[in-house]
PDB file of N, CA and C in Angstrom:
ATOM      1  N   MET A   1     -20.023 257.509 -22.347  1.00  0.00           N
ATOM      2  CA  MET A   1     -18.843 256.776 -22.741  1.00  0.00           C
ATOM      3  C   MET A   1     -18.913 255.358 -22.171  1.00  0.00           C
ATOM      4  N   ALA A   2     -18.605 254.372 -22.989  1.00  0.00           N
ATOM      5  CA  ALA A   2     -18.682 252.972 -22.567  1.00  0.00           C
ATOM      6  C   ALA A   2     -17.502 252.614 -21.676  1.00  0.00           C
ATOM      7  N   LYS A   3     -17.774 251.743 -20.704  1.00  0.00           N
ATOM      8  CA  LYS A   3     -16.716 251.233 -19.844  1.00  0.00           C
ATOM      9  C   LYS A   3     -15.856 250.263 -20.645  1.00  0.00           C
ATOM     10  N   GLU A   4     -14.619 250.085 -20.215  1.00  0.00           N
ATOM     11  CA  GLU A   4     -13.700 249.166 -20.873  1.00  0.00           C
ATOM     12  C   GLU A   4     -14.272 247.743 -20.922  1.00  0.00           C
ATOM     13  N   ASN A   5     -14.983 247.331 -19.887  1.00  0.00           N
ATOM     14  CA  ASN A   5     -15.530 245.980 -19.794  1.00  0.00           C
ATOM     15  C   ASN A   5     -17.023 245.950 -20.069  1.00  0.00           C
ATOM     16  N   ASP A   6     -17.547 246.906 -20.814  1.00  0.00           N
ATOM     17  CA  ASP A   6     -18.970 247.065 -21.043  1.00  0.00           C
ATOM     18  C   ASP A   6     -19.639 245.747 -21.448  1.00  0.00           C
ATOM     19  N   GLY A   7     -20.529 245.267 -20.590  1.00  0.00           N
ATOM     20  CA  GLY A   7     -21.298 244.061 -20.886  1.00  0.00           C
ATOM     21  C   GLY A   7     -20.581 242.755 -20.593  1.00  0.00           C
ATOM     22  N   GLN A   8     -19.363 242.793 -20.150  1.00  0.00           N
ATOM     23  CA  GLN A   8     -18.624 241.569 -19.890  1.00  0.00           C
ATOM     24  C   GLN A   8     -18.564 241.298 -18.393  1.00  0.00           C
ATOM     25  N   PHE A   9     -18.785 240.041 -18.006  1.00  0.00           N
ATOM     26  CA  PHE A   9     -18.628 239.659 -16.611  1.00  0.00           C
ATOM     27  C   PHE A   9     -18.267 238.194 -16.538  1.00  0.00           C
ATOM     28  N   THR A  10     -17.626 237.843 -15.437  1.00  0.00           N
ATOM     29  CA  THR A  10     -17.254 236.467 -15.167  1.00  0.00           C
ATOM     30  C   THR A  10     -17.984 236.050 -13.903  1.00  0.00           C
ATOM     31  N   GLN A  11     -18.562 234.848 -13.930  1.00  0.00           N
ATOM     32  CA  GLN A  11     -19.294 234.377 -12.760  1.00  0.00           C
ATOM     33  C   GLN A  11     -18.746 233.030 -12.320  1.00  0.00           C
ATOM     34  N   ILE A  12     -18.451 232.929 -11.024  1.00  0.00           N
ATOM     35  CA  ILE A  12     -18.024 231.670 -10.411  1.00  0.00           C
ATOM     36  C   ILE A  12     -19.197 231.215  -9.544  1.00  0.00           C
ATOM     37  N   SER A  13     -19.873 230.166  -9.959  1.00  0.00           N
ATOM     38  CA  SER A  13     -21.089 229.720  -9.260  1.00  0.00           C
ATOM     39  C   SER A  13     -20.759 229.044  -7.934  1.00  0.00           C
ATOM     40  N   SER A  14     -21.783 228.869  -7.108  1.00  0.00           N
ATOM     41  CA  SER A  14     -21.606 228.314  -5.765  1.00  0.00           C
ATOM     42  C   SER A  14     -21.097 226.875  -5.774  1.00  0.00           C
ATOM     43  N   SER A  15     -21.240 226.168  -6.881  1.00  0.00           N
ATOM     44  CA  SER A  15     -20.762 224.784  -6.951  1.00  0.00           C
ATOM     45  C   SER A  15     -19.297 224.694  -7.386  1.00  0.00           C
ATOM     46  N   MET A  16     -18.656 225.838  -7.640  1.00  0.00           N
ATOM     47  CA  MET A  16     -17.283 225.851  -8.152  1.00  0.00           C
ATOM     48  C   MET A  16     -16.260 226.132  -7.055  1.00  0.00           C
ATOM     49  N   ASN A  17     -15.150 225.406  -7.117  1.00  0.00           N
ATOM     50  CA  ASN A  17     -13.964 225.659  -6.295  1.00  0.00           C
ATOM     51  C   ASN A  17     -12.818 225.881  -7.266  1.00  0.00           C
ATOM     52  N   LEU A  18     -12.133 227.012  -7.125  1.00  0.00           N
ATOM     53  CA  LEU A  18     -11.080 227.373  -8.061  1.00  0.00           C
ATOM     54  C   LEU A  18      -9.801 227.675  -7.301  1.00  0.00           C
ATOM     55  N   THR A  19      -8.691 227.095  -7.757  1.00  0.00           N
ATOM     56  CA  THR A  19      -7.386 227.398  -7.196  1.00  0.00           C
ATOM     57  C   THR A  19      -6.551 228.018  -8.305  1.00  0.00           C
ATOM     58  N   GLY A  20      -6.098 229.254  -8.082  1.00  0.00           N
ATOM     59  CA  GLY A  20      -5.306 229.955  -9.081  1.00  0.00           C
ATOM     60  C   GLY A  20      -5.705 231.411  -9.155  1.00  0.00           C
ATOM     61  N   ASP A  21      -4.901 232.196  -9.837  1.00  0.00           N
ATOM     62  CA  ASP A  21      -5.137 233.629  -9.940  1.00  0.00           C
ATOM     63  C   ASP A  21      -6.065 233.943 -11.114  1.00  0.00           C
ATOM     64  N   ILE A  22      -6.813 235.038 -10.970  1.00  0.00           N
ATOM     65  CA  ILE A  22      -7.709 235.527 -12.011  1.00  0.00           C
ATOM     66  C   ILE A  22      -7.305 236.964 -12.320  1.00  0.00           C
ATOM     67  N   SER A  23      -7.162 237.292 -13.607  1.00  0.00           N
ATOM     68  CA  SER A  23      -6.878 238.679 -13.969  1.00  0.00           C
ATOM     69  C   SER A  23      -7.587 239.004 -15.273  1.00  0.00           C
ATOM     70  N   GLY A  24      -7.964 240.279 -15.422  1.00  0.00           N
ATOM     71  CA  GLY A  24      -8.643 240.706 -16.633  1.00  0.00           C
ATOM     72  C   GLY A  24      -9.269 242.064 -16.447  1.00  0.00           C
ATOM     73  N   SER A  25     -10.279 242.343 -17.286  1.00  0.00           N
ATOM     74  CA  SER A  25     -10.923 243.652 -17.219  1.00  0.00           C
ATOM     75  C   SER A  25     -12.430 243.558 -17.002  1.00  0.00           C
ATOM     76  N   SER A  26     -12.977 242.360 -16.894  1.00  0.00           N
ATOM     77  CA  SER A  26     -14.425 242.229 -16.722  1.00  0.00           C
ATOM     78  C   SER A  26     -14.819 242.282 -15.252  1.00  0.00           C
ATOM     79  N   ASP A  27     -16.107 242.531 -15.011  1.00  0.00           N
ATOM     80  CA  ASP A  27     -16.642 242.425 -13.658  1.00  0.00           C
ATOM     81  C   ASP A  27     -16.657 240.947 -13.279  1.00  0.00           C
ATOM     82  N   ILE A  28     -16.504 240.662 -11.988  1.00  0.00           N
ATOM     83  CA  ILE A  28     -16.451 239.282 -11.510  1.00  0.00           C
ATOM     84  C   ILE A  28     -17.439 239.116 -10.365  1.00  0.00           C
ATOM     85  N   ARG A  29     -18.299 238.090 -10.464  1.00  0.00           N
ATOM     86  CA  ARG A  29     -19.257 237.757  -9.407  1.00  0.00           C
ATOM     87  C   ARG A  29     -18.902 236.364  -8.907  1.00  0.00           C
ATOM     88  N   ILE A  30     -18.682 236.260  -7.577  1.00  0.00           N
ATOM     89  CA  ILE A  30     -18.211 235.004  -7.000  1.00  0.00           C
ATOM     90  C   ILE A  30     -19.201 234.495  -5.958  1.00  0.00           C
ATOM     91  N   ALA A  31     -19.730 233.302  -6.204  1.00  0.00           N
ATOM     92  CA  ALA A  31     -20.590 232.632  -5.237  1.00  0.00           C
ATOM     93  C   ALA A  31     -19.911 231.365  -4.724  1.00  0.00           C
ATOM     94  N   GLY A  32     -18.844 230.942  -5.402  1.00  0.00           N
ATOM     95  CA  GLY A  32     -18.090 229.748  -5.016  1.00  0.00           C
ATOM     96  C   GLY A  32     -16.871 230.099  -4.184  1.00  0.00           C
ATOM     97  N   LYS A  33     -15.863 229.204  -4.244  1.00  0.00           N
ATOM     98  CA  LYS A  33     -14.651 229.385  -3.442  1.00  0.00           C
ATOM     99  C   LYS A  33     -13.443 229.548  -4.351  1.00  0.00           C
ATOM    100  N   ILE A  34     -12.623 230.558  -4.021  1.00  0.00           N
ATOM    101  CA  ILE A  34     -11.407 230.812  -4.788  1.00  0.00           C
ATOM    102  C   ILE A  34     -10.231 230.904  -3.835  1.00  0.00           C
ATOM    103  N   LYS A  35      -9.170 230.154  -4.134  1.00  0.00           N
ATOM    104  CA  LYS A  35      -7.890 230.292  -3.440  1.00  0.00           C
ATOM    105  C   LYS A  35      -6.917 230.819  -4.479  1.00  0.00           C
ATOM    106  N   GLY A  36      -6.716 232.132  -4.443  1.00  0.00           N
ATOM    107  CA  GLY A  36      -5.842 232.787  -5.413  1.00  0.00           C
ATOM    108  C   GLY A  36      -6.153 234.264  -5.448  1.00  0.00           C
ATOM    109  N   ASN A  37      -5.334 235.005  -6.159  1.00  0.00           N
ATOM    110  CA  ASN A  37      -5.493 236.445  -6.246  1.00  0.00           C
ATOM    111  C   ASN A  37      -6.422 236.823  -7.400  1.00  0.00           C
ATOM    112  N   ILE A  38      -7.128 237.934  -7.222  1.00  0.00           N
ATOM    113  CA  ILE A  38      -8.051 238.437  -8.237  1.00  0.00           C
ATOM    114  C   ILE A  38      -7.636 239.855  -8.572  1.00  0.00           C
ATOM    115  N   GLU A  39      -7.421 240.125  -9.857  1.00  0.00           N
ATOM    116  CA  GLU A  39      -7.073 241.480 -10.285  1.00  0.00           C
ATOM    117  C   GLU A  39      -7.876 241.808 -11.538  1.00  0.00           C
ATOM    118  N   THR A  40      -8.673 242.874 -11.459  1.00  0.00           N
ATOM    119  CA  THR A  40      -9.481 243.310 -12.590  1.00  0.00           C
ATOM    120  C   THR A  40      -9.643 244.820 -12.563  1.00  0.00           C
ATOM    121  N   THR A  41      -9.816 245.408 -13.730  1.00  0.00           N
ATOM    122  CA  THR A  41     -10.116 246.836 -13.795  1.00  0.00           C
ATOM    123  C   THR A  41     -11.615 247.056 -13.628  1.00  0.00           C
ATOM    124  N   GLY A  42     -12.369 245.972 -13.550  1.00  0.00           N
ATOM    125  CA  GLY A  42     -13.818 246.038 -13.319  1.00  0.00           C
ATOM    126  C   GLY A  42     -14.134 245.934 -11.837  1.00  0.00           C
ATOM    127  N   ASP A  43     -15.348 245.481 -11.549  1.00  0.00           N
ATOM    128  CA  ASP A  43     -15.838 245.357 -10.175  1.00  0.00           C
ATOM    129  C   ASP A  43     -15.833 243.895  -9.740  1.00  0.00           C
ATOM    130  N   VAL A  44     -15.737 243.681  -8.426  1.00  0.00           N
ATOM    131  CA  VAL A  44     -15.799 242.336  -7.848  1.00  0.00           C
ATOM    132  C   VAL A  44     -16.962 242.293  -6.861  1.00  0.00           C
ATOM    133  N   VAL A  45     -17.789 241.260  -6.984  1.00  0.00           N
ATOM    134  CA  VAL A  45     -18.890 241.027  -6.053  1.00  0.00           C
ATOM    135  C   VAL A  45     -18.705 239.638  -5.457  1.00  0.00           C
ATOM    136  N   ILE A  46     -18.622 239.570  -4.126  1.00  0.00           N
ATOM    137  CA  ILE A  46     -18.551 238.293  -3.424  1.00  0.00           C
ATOM    138  C   ILE A  46     -19.909 238.076  -2.776  1.00  0.00           C
ATOM    139  N   GLU A  47     -20.656 237.093  -3.266  1.00  0.00           N
ATOM    140  CA  GLU A  47     -21.990 236.820  -2.741  1.00  0.00           C
ATOM    141  C   GLU A  47     -21.918 236.151  -1.369  1.00  0.00           C
ATOM    142  N   ASN A  48     -23.066 235.997  -0.706  1.00  0.00           N
ATOM    143  CA  ASN A  48     -23.132 235.400   0.638  1.00  0.00           C
ATOM    144  C   ASN A  48     -22.393 234.075   0.724  1.00  0.00           C
ATOM    145  N   SER A  49     -22.529 233.232  -0.293  1.00  0.00           N
ATOM    146  CA  SER A  49     -21.902 231.908  -0.285  1.00  0.00           C
ATOM    147  C   SER A  49     -20.450 231.953  -0.753  1.00  0.00           C
ATOM    148  N   GLY A  50     -19.970 233.110  -1.192  1.00  0.00           N
ATOM    149  CA  GLY A  50     -18.633 233.232  -1.755  1.00  0.00           C
ATOM    150  C   GLY A  50     -17.541 233.299  -0.700  1.00  0.00           C
ATOM    151  N   TYR A  51     -16.371 232.756  -1.066  1.00  0.00           N
ATOM    152  CA  TYR A  51     -15.201 232.786  -0.196  1.00  0.00           C
ATOM    153  C   TYR A  51     -13.970 233.002  -1.066  1.00  0.00           C
ATOM    154  N   VAL A  52     -13.150 233.963  -0.698  1.00  0.00           N
ATOM    155  CA  VAL A  52     -11.901 234.211  -1.410  1.00  0.00           C
ATOM    156  C   VAL A  52     -10.759 234.230  -0.413  1.00  0.00           C
ATOM    157  N   GLU A  53      -9.720 233.447  -0.710  1.00  0.00           N
ATOM    158  CA  GLU A  53      -8.487 233.469   0.074  1.00  0.00           C
ATOM    159  C   GLU A  53      -7.395 233.959  -0.868  1.00  0.00           C
ATOM    160  N   GLY A  54      -7.111 235.259  -0.769  1.00  0.00           N
ATOM    161  CA  GLY A  54      -6.118 235.868  -1.644  1.00  0.00           C
ATOM    162  C   GLY A  54      -6.328 237.365  -1.723  1.00  0.00           C
ATOM    163  N   VAL A  55      -5.480 238.032  -2.484  1.00  0.00           N
ATOM    164  CA  VAL A  55      -5.537 239.477  -2.652  1.00  0.00           C
ATOM    165  C   VAL A  55      -6.534 239.833  -3.754  1.00  0.00           C
ATOM    166  N   ILE A  56      -7.352 240.857  -3.491  1.00  0.00           N
ATOM    167  CA  ILE A  56      -8.307 241.340  -4.487  1.00  0.00           C
ATOM    168  C   ILE A  56      -7.930 242.770  -4.851  1.00  0.00           C
ATOM    169  N   LYS A  57      -7.760 243.033  -6.150  1.00  0.00           N
ATOM    170  CA  LYS A  57      -7.520 244.381  -6.666  1.00  0.00           C
ATOM    171  C   LYS A  57      -8.561 244.644  -7.741  1.00  0.00           C
ATOM    172  N   SER A  58      -9.349 245.723  -7.546  1.00  0.00           N
ATOM    173  CA  SER A  58     -10.428 246.026  -8.485  1.00  0.00           C
ATOM    174  C   SER A  58     -10.788 247.501  -8.416  1.00  0.00           C
ATOM    175  N   LYS A  59     -11.711 247.894  -9.281  1.00  0.00           N
ATOM    176  CA  LYS A  59     -12.213 249.265  -9.237  1.00  0.00           C
ATOM    177  C   LYS A  59     -13.108 249.432  -8.016  1.00  0.00           C
ATOM    178  N   ASN A  60     -14.159 248.609  -7.936  1.00  0.00           N
ATOM    179  CA  ASN A  60     -15.088 248.591  -6.804  1.00  0.00           C
ATOM    180  C   ASN A  60     -15.225 247.147  -6.342  1.00  0.00           C
ATOM    181  N   ALA A  61     -15.597 246.964  -5.071  1.00  0.00           N
ATOM    182  CA  ALA A  61     -15.868 245.621  -4.573  1.00  0.00           C
ATOM    183  C   ALA A  61     -17.021 245.685  -3.581  1.00  0.00           C
ATOM    184  N   MET A  62     -17.904 244.686  -3.663  1.00  0.00           N
ATOM    185  CA  MET A  62     -18.997 244.522  -2.709  1.00  0.00           C
ATOM    186  C   MET A  62     -18.862 243.132  -2.119  1.00  0.00           C
ATOM    187  N   ILE A  63     -18.685 243.070  -0.805  1.00  0.00           N
ATOM    188  CA  ILE A  63     -18.434 241.798  -0.131  1.00  0.00           C
ATOM    189  C   ILE A  63     -19.630 241.448   0.760  1.00  0.00           C
ATOM    190  N   ALA A  64     -20.269 240.323   0.462  1.00  0.00           N
ATOM    191  CA  ALA A  64     -21.342 239.805   1.307  1.00  0.00           C
ATOM    192  C   ALA A  64     -20.905 238.497   1.958  1.00  0.00           C
ATOM    193  N   GLY A  65     -19.903 237.847   1.377  1.00  0.00           N
ATOM    194  CA  GLY A  65     -19.401 236.572   1.879  1.00  0.00           C
ATOM    195  C   GLY A  65     -18.158 236.754   2.725  1.00  0.00           C
ATOM    196  N   LYS A  66     -17.183 235.838   2.529  1.00  0.00           N
ATOM    197  CA  LYS A  66     -15.965 235.839   3.349  1.00  0.00           C
ATOM    198  C   LYS A  66     -14.736 236.077   2.482  1.00  0.00           C
ATOM    199  N   VAL A  67     -13.826 236.895   3.010  1.00  0.00           N
ATOM    200  CA  VAL A  67     -12.552 237.149   2.338  1.00  0.00           C
ATOM    201  C   VAL A  67     -11.440 237.080   3.374  1.00  0.00           C
ATOM    202  N   ASN A  68     -10.400 236.323   3.043  1.00  0.00           N
ATOM    203  CA  ASN A  68      -9.201 236.243   3.873  1.00  0.00           C
ATOM    204  C   ASN A  68      -8.038 236.687   2.991  1.00  0.00           C
ATOM    205  N   GLY A  69      -7.730 237.979   3.032  1.00  0.00           N
ATOM    206  CA  GLY A  69      -6.668 238.548   2.200  1.00  0.00           C
ATOM    207  C   GLY A  69      -6.889 240.040   2.046  1.00  0.00           C
ATOM    208  N   ASP A  70      -5.928 240.712   1.496  1.00  0.00           N
ATOM    209  CA  ASP A  70      -6.018 242.157   1.344  1.00  0.00           C
ATOM    210  C   ASP A  70      -6.926 242.545   0.171  1.00  0.00           C
ATOM    211  N   ILE A  71      -7.526 243.741   0.287  1.00  0.00           N
ATOM    212  CA  ILE A  71      -8.345 244.286  -0.792  1.00  0.00           C
ATOM    213  C   ILE A  71      -7.851 245.696  -1.104  1.00  0.00           C
ATOM    214  N   GLU A  72      -7.661 245.955  -2.401  1.00  0.00           N
ATOM    215  CA  GLU A  72      -7.302 247.288  -2.869  1.00  0.00           C
ATOM    216  C   GLU A  72      -8.283 247.683  -3.964  1.00  0.00           C
ATOM    217  N   CYS A  73      -9.067 248.729  -3.690  1.00  0.00           N
ATOM    218  CA  CYS A  73     -10.049 249.223  -4.657  1.00  0.00           C
ATOM    219  C   CYS A  73      -9.681 250.641  -5.061  1.00  0.00           C
ATOM    220  N   SER A  74      -9.676 250.907  -6.347  1.00  0.00           N
ATOM    221  CA  SER A  74      -9.349 252.255  -6.801  1.00  0.00           C
ATOM    222  C   SER A  74     -10.487 253.231  -6.536  1.00  0.00           C
ATOM    223  N   GLU A  75     -11.690 252.721  -6.297  1.00  0.00           N
ATOM    224  CA  GLU A  75     -12.843 253.584  -6.022  1.00  0.00           C
ATOM    225  C   GLU A  75     -13.495 253.258  -4.676  1.00  0.00           C
ATOM    226  N   LYS A  76     -14.367 252.227  -4.628  1.00  0.00           N
ATOM    227  CA  LYS A  76     -15.186 251.995  -3.424  1.00  0.00           C
ATOM    228  C   LYS A  76     -15.220 250.520  -3.033  1.00  0.00           C
ATOM    229  N   LEU A  77     -15.189 250.298  -1.708  1.00  0.00           N
ATOM    230  CA  LEU A  77     -15.355 248.966  -1.127  1.00  0.00           C
ATOM    231  C   LEU A  77     -16.554 249.001  -0.192  1.00  0.00           C
ATOM    232  N   VAL A  78     -17.455 248.023  -0.344  1.00  0.00           N
ATOM    233  CA  VAL A  78     -18.614 247.892   0.539  1.00  0.00           C
ATOM    234  C   VAL A  78     -18.528 246.541   1.245  1.00  0.00           C
ATOM    235  N   LEU A  79     -18.516 246.571   2.585  1.00  0.00           N
ATOM    236  CA  LEU A  79     -18.615 245.351   3.384  1.00  0.00           C
ATOM    237  C   LEU A  79     -20.060 245.259   3.850  1.00  0.00           C
ATOM    238  N   GLU A  80     -20.810 244.338   3.265  1.00  0.00           N
ATOM    239  CA  GLU A  80     -22.225 244.202   3.595  1.00  0.00           C
ATOM    240  C   GLU A  80     -22.402 243.576   4.977  1.00  0.00           C
ATOM    241  N   SER A  81     -23.615 243.633   5.491  1.00  0.00           N
ATOM    242  CA  SER A  81     -23.904 243.292   6.886  1.00  0.00           C
ATOM    243  C   SER A  81     -23.501 241.874   7.296  1.00  0.00           C
ATOM    244  N   LYS A  82     -23.490 240.914   6.384  1.00  0.00           N
ATOM    245  CA  LYS A  82     -23.143 239.535   6.749  1.00  0.00           C
ATOM    246  C   LYS A  82     -21.731 239.157   6.326  1.00  0.00           C
ATOM    247  N   SER A  83     -20.961 240.136   5.876  1.00  0.00           N
ATOM    248  CA  SER A  83     -19.609 239.841   5.398  1.00  0.00           C
ATOM    249  C   SER A  83     -18.662 239.560   6.567  1.00  0.00           C
ATOM    250  N   PHE A  84     -17.604 238.811   6.251  1.00  0.00           N
ATOM    251  CA  PHE A  84     -16.545 238.497   7.213  1.00  0.00           C
ATOM    252  C   PHE A  84     -15.229 238.710   6.485  1.00  0.00           C
ATOM    253  N   PHE A  85     -14.444 239.695   6.926  1.00  0.00           N
ATOM    254  CA  PHE A  85     -13.229 240.076   6.218  1.00  0.00           C
ATOM    255  C   PHE A  85     -12.033 240.087   7.157  1.00  0.00           C
ATOM    256  N   VAL A  86     -10.957 239.405   6.757  1.00  0.00           N
ATOM    257  CA  VAL A  86      -9.701 239.417   7.496  1.00  0.00           C
ATOM    258  C   VAL A  86      -8.618 239.852   6.512  1.00  0.00           C
ATOM    259  N   GLY A  87      -8.016 241.005   6.774  1.00  0.00           N
ATOM    260  CA  GLY A  87      -6.967 241.509   5.895  1.00  0.00           C
ATOM    261  C   GLY A  87      -6.887 243.016   5.952  1.00  0.00           C
ATOM    262  N   ASN A  88      -6.113 243.580   5.057  1.00  0.00           N
ATOM    263  CA  ASN A  88      -5.923 245.020   5.006  1.00  0.00           C
ATOM    264  C   ASN A  88      -6.682 245.623   3.833  1.00  0.00           C
ATOM    265  N   ILE A  89      -7.155 246.844   4.018  1.00  0.00           N
ATOM    266  CA  ILE A  89      -7.962 247.535   3.022  1.00  0.00           C
ATOM    267  C   ILE A  89      -7.254 248.806   2.591  1.00  0.00           C
ATOM    268  N   LYS A  90      -7.268 249.050   1.277  1.00  0.00           N
ATOM    269  CA  LYS A  90      -6.774 250.303   0.717  1.00  0.00           C
ATOM    270  C   LYS A  90      -7.793 250.728  -0.337  1.00  0.00           C
ATOM    271  N   THR A  91      -8.458 251.870  -0.124  1.00  0.00           N
ATOM    272  CA  THR A  91      -9.509 252.318  -1.034  1.00  0.00           C
ATOM    273  C   THR A  91      -9.737 253.816  -0.895  1.00  0.00           C
ATOM    274  N   LYS A  92     -10.473 254.393  -1.834  1.00  0.00           N
ATOM    275  CA  LYS A  92     -10.860 255.809  -1.741  1.00  0.00           C
ATOM    276  C   LYS A  92     -12.078 255.982  -0.844  1.00  0.00           C
ATOM    277  N   LEU A  93     -13.030 255.046  -0.928  1.00  0.00           N
ATOM    278  CA  LEU A  93     -14.279 255.148  -0.178  1.00  0.00           C
ATOM    279  C   LEU A  93     -14.603 253.787   0.424  1.00  0.00           C
ATOM    280  N   LEU A  94     -14.892 253.759   1.732  1.00  0.00           N
ATOM    281  CA  LEU A  94     -15.198 252.521   2.433  1.00  0.00           C
ATOM    282  C   LEU A  94     -16.560 252.625   3.097  1.00  0.00           C
ATOM    283  N   VAL A  95     -17.408 251.620   2.844  1.00  0.00           N
ATOM    284  CA  VAL A  95     -18.723 251.534   3.474  1.00  0.00           C
ATOM    285  C   VAL A  95     -18.762 250.223   4.255  1.00  0.00           C
ATOM    286  N   ILE A  96     -19.010 250.323   5.559  1.00  0.00           N
ATOM    287  CA  ILE A  96     -19.122 249.127   6.399  1.00  0.00           C
ATOM    288  C   ILE A  96     -20.527 249.110   6.987  1.00  0.00           C
ATOM    289  N   GLU A  97     -21.336 248.139   6.556  1.00  0.00           N
ATOM    290  CA  GLU A  97     -22.696 248.040   7.062  1.00  0.00           C
ATOM    291  C   GLU A  97     -22.695 247.438   8.461  1.00  0.00           C
ATOM    292  N   CYS A  98     -23.713 247.779   9.226  1.00  0.00           N
ATOM    293  CA  CYS A  98     -23.885 247.262  10.579  1.00  0.00           C
ATOM    294  C   CYS A  98     -23.943 245.734  10.531  1.00  0.00           C
ATOM    295  N   GLY A  99     -23.119 245.092  11.333  1.00  0.00           N
ATOM    296  CA  GLY A  99     -23.086 243.631  11.378  1.00  0.00           C
ATOM    297  C   GLY A  99     -21.896 243.038  10.650  1.00  0.00           C
ATOM    298  N   ALA A 100     -21.254 243.794   9.773  1.00  0.00           N
ATOM    299  CA  ALA A 100     -20.071 243.299   9.063  1.00  0.00           C
ATOM    300  C   ALA A 100     -18.952 243.051  10.056  1.00  0.00           C
ATOM    301  N   LYS A 101     -18.155 242.034   9.791  1.00  0.00           N
ATOM    302  CA  LYS A 101     -17.034 241.700  10.659  1.00  0.00           C
ATOM    303  C   LYS A 101     -15.741 242.002   9.910  1.00  0.00           C
ATOM    304  N   LEU A 102     -14.860 242.773  10.559  1.00  0.00           N
ATOM    305  CA  LEU A 102     -13.608 243.220   9.950  1.00  0.00           C
ATOM    306  C   LEU A 102     -12.476 243.051  10.940  1.00  0.00           C
ATOM    307  N   ASN A 103     -11.417 242.363  10.508  1.00  0.00           N
ATOM    308  CA  ASN A 103     -10.228 242.207  11.323  1.00  0.00           C
ATOM    309  C   ASN A 103      -9.038 242.555  10.443  1.00  0.00           C
ATOM    310  N   GLY A 104      -8.539 243.785  10.589  1.00  0.00           N
ATOM    311  CA  GLY A 104      -7.417 244.223   9.773  1.00  0.00           C
ATOM    312  C   GLY A 104      -7.241 245.720   9.866  1.00  0.00           C
ATOM    313  N   ASN A 105      -6.475 246.252   8.951  1.00  0.00           N
ATOM    314  CA  ASN A 105      -6.200 247.681   8.901  1.00  0.00           C
ATOM    315  C   ASN A 105      -6.852 248.300   7.674  1.00  0.00           C
ATOM    316  N   CYS A 106      -7.239 249.571   7.812  1.00  0.00           N
ATOM    317  CA  CYS A 106      -7.883 250.293   6.710  1.00  0.00           C
ATOM    318  C   CYS A 106      -7.098 251.542   6.384  1.00  0.00           C
ATOM    319  N   HIS A 107      -6.920 251.797   5.105  1.00  0.00           N
ATOM    320  CA  HIS A 107      -6.334 253.049   4.643  1.00  0.00           C
ATOM    321  C   HIS A 107      -7.292 253.615   3.596  1.00  0.00           C
ATOM    322  N   VAL A 108      -7.960 254.697   3.960  1.00  0.00           N
ATOM    323  CA  VAL A 108      -8.950 255.307   3.080  1.00  0.00           C
ATOM    324  C   VAL A 108      -8.478 256.711   2.741  1.00  0.00           C
ATOM    325  N   SER A 109      -8.206 256.968   1.463  1.00  0.00           N
ATOM    326  CA  SER A 109      -7.777 258.291   1.032  1.00  0.00           C
ATOM    327  C   SER A 109      -7.812 258.392  -0.482  1.00  0.00           C
ATOM    328  N   THR A 110      -7.648 259.593  -0.970  1.00  0.00           N
ATOM    329  CA  THR A 110      -7.627 259.825  -2.412  1.00  0.00           C
ATOM    330  C   THR A 110      -6.273 259.418  -2.971  1.00  0.00           C
ATOM    331  N   GLU A 111      -6.210 259.226  -4.290  1.00  0.00           N
ATOM    332  CA  GLU A 111      -4.942 258.880  -4.928  1.00  0.00           C
ATOM    333  C   GLU A 111      -3.897 259.960  -4.662  1.00  0.00           C
ATOM    334  N   LYS A 112      -4.310 261.223  -4.680  1.00  0.00           N
ATOM    335  CA  LYS A 112      -3.385 262.335  -4.449  1.00  0.00           C
ATOM    336  C   LYS A 112      -2.764 262.212  -3.057  1.00  0.00           C
ATOM    337  N   GLU A 113      -3.582 261.871  -2.046  1.00  0.00           N
ATOM    338  CA  GLU A 113      -3.068 261.705  -0.687  1.00  0.00           C
ATOM    339  C   GLU A 113      -2.120 260.515  -0.609  1.00  0.00           C
ATOM    340  N   LEU A 114      -2.417 259.455  -1.351  1.00  0.00           N
ATOM    341  CA  LEU A 114      -1.563 258.268  -1.343  1.00  0.00           C
ATOM    342  C   LEU A 114      -0.205 258.561  -1.964  1.00  0.00           C
ATOM    343  N   GLU A 115      -0.178 259.446  -2.979  1.00  0.00           N
ATOM    344  CA  GLU A 115       1.059 259.762  -3.680  1.00  0.00           C
ATOM    345  C   GLU A 115       1.920 260.744  -2.894  1.00  0.00           C
ATOM    346  N   SER A 116       1.324 261.601  -2.062  1.00  0.00           N
ATOM    347  CA  SER A 116       2.064 262.633  -1.324  1.00  0.00           C
ATOM    348  C   SER A 116       2.804 262.018  -0.141  1.00  0.00           C
ATOM    349  N   PRO A 117       4.084 262.320  -0.007  1.00  0.00           N
ATOM    350  CA  PRO A 117       4.820 261.808   1.167  1.00  0.00           C
ATOM    351  C   PRO A 117       4.360 262.524   2.419  1.00  0.00           C
ATOM    352  N   LYS A 118       4.328 261.804   3.522  1.00  0.00           N
ATOM    353  CA  LYS A 118       3.943 262.396   4.809  1.00  0.00           C
ATOM    354  C   LYS A 118       5.082 263.246   5.330  1.00  0.00           C
ATOM    355  N   LYS A 119       4.716 264.355   5.997  1.00  0.00           N
ATOM    356  CA  LYS A 119       5.722 265.255   6.567  1.00  0.00           C
ATOM    357  C   LYS A 119       5.815 265.054   8.044  1.00  0.00           C
TER     358      LYS A 119
END
């Protein structure tokens, strides 16, 4: 079965600086700088040179660069070894590679656990 964003992606190159929010359904690869929120039903990749200041909501995210803001992934978040992240995380699966820098709170659980009230 084809993905909703099959074959579609958006790329912000290292020479780009963008101020404003991004939303859609395609995968997004960021090597430049973004000041704004990102929301997609696809995946987000922040390359080594990438910087995002804002909230990221996506299916999956792989962070190699810097993020200052919260991240919410419906599936998986990977903080690669050279990543620098400040903010809160909400995801089903979290991978933190050795060397990654994280300053914030993490909430890792299934959707069912998120929906159930605590007793």
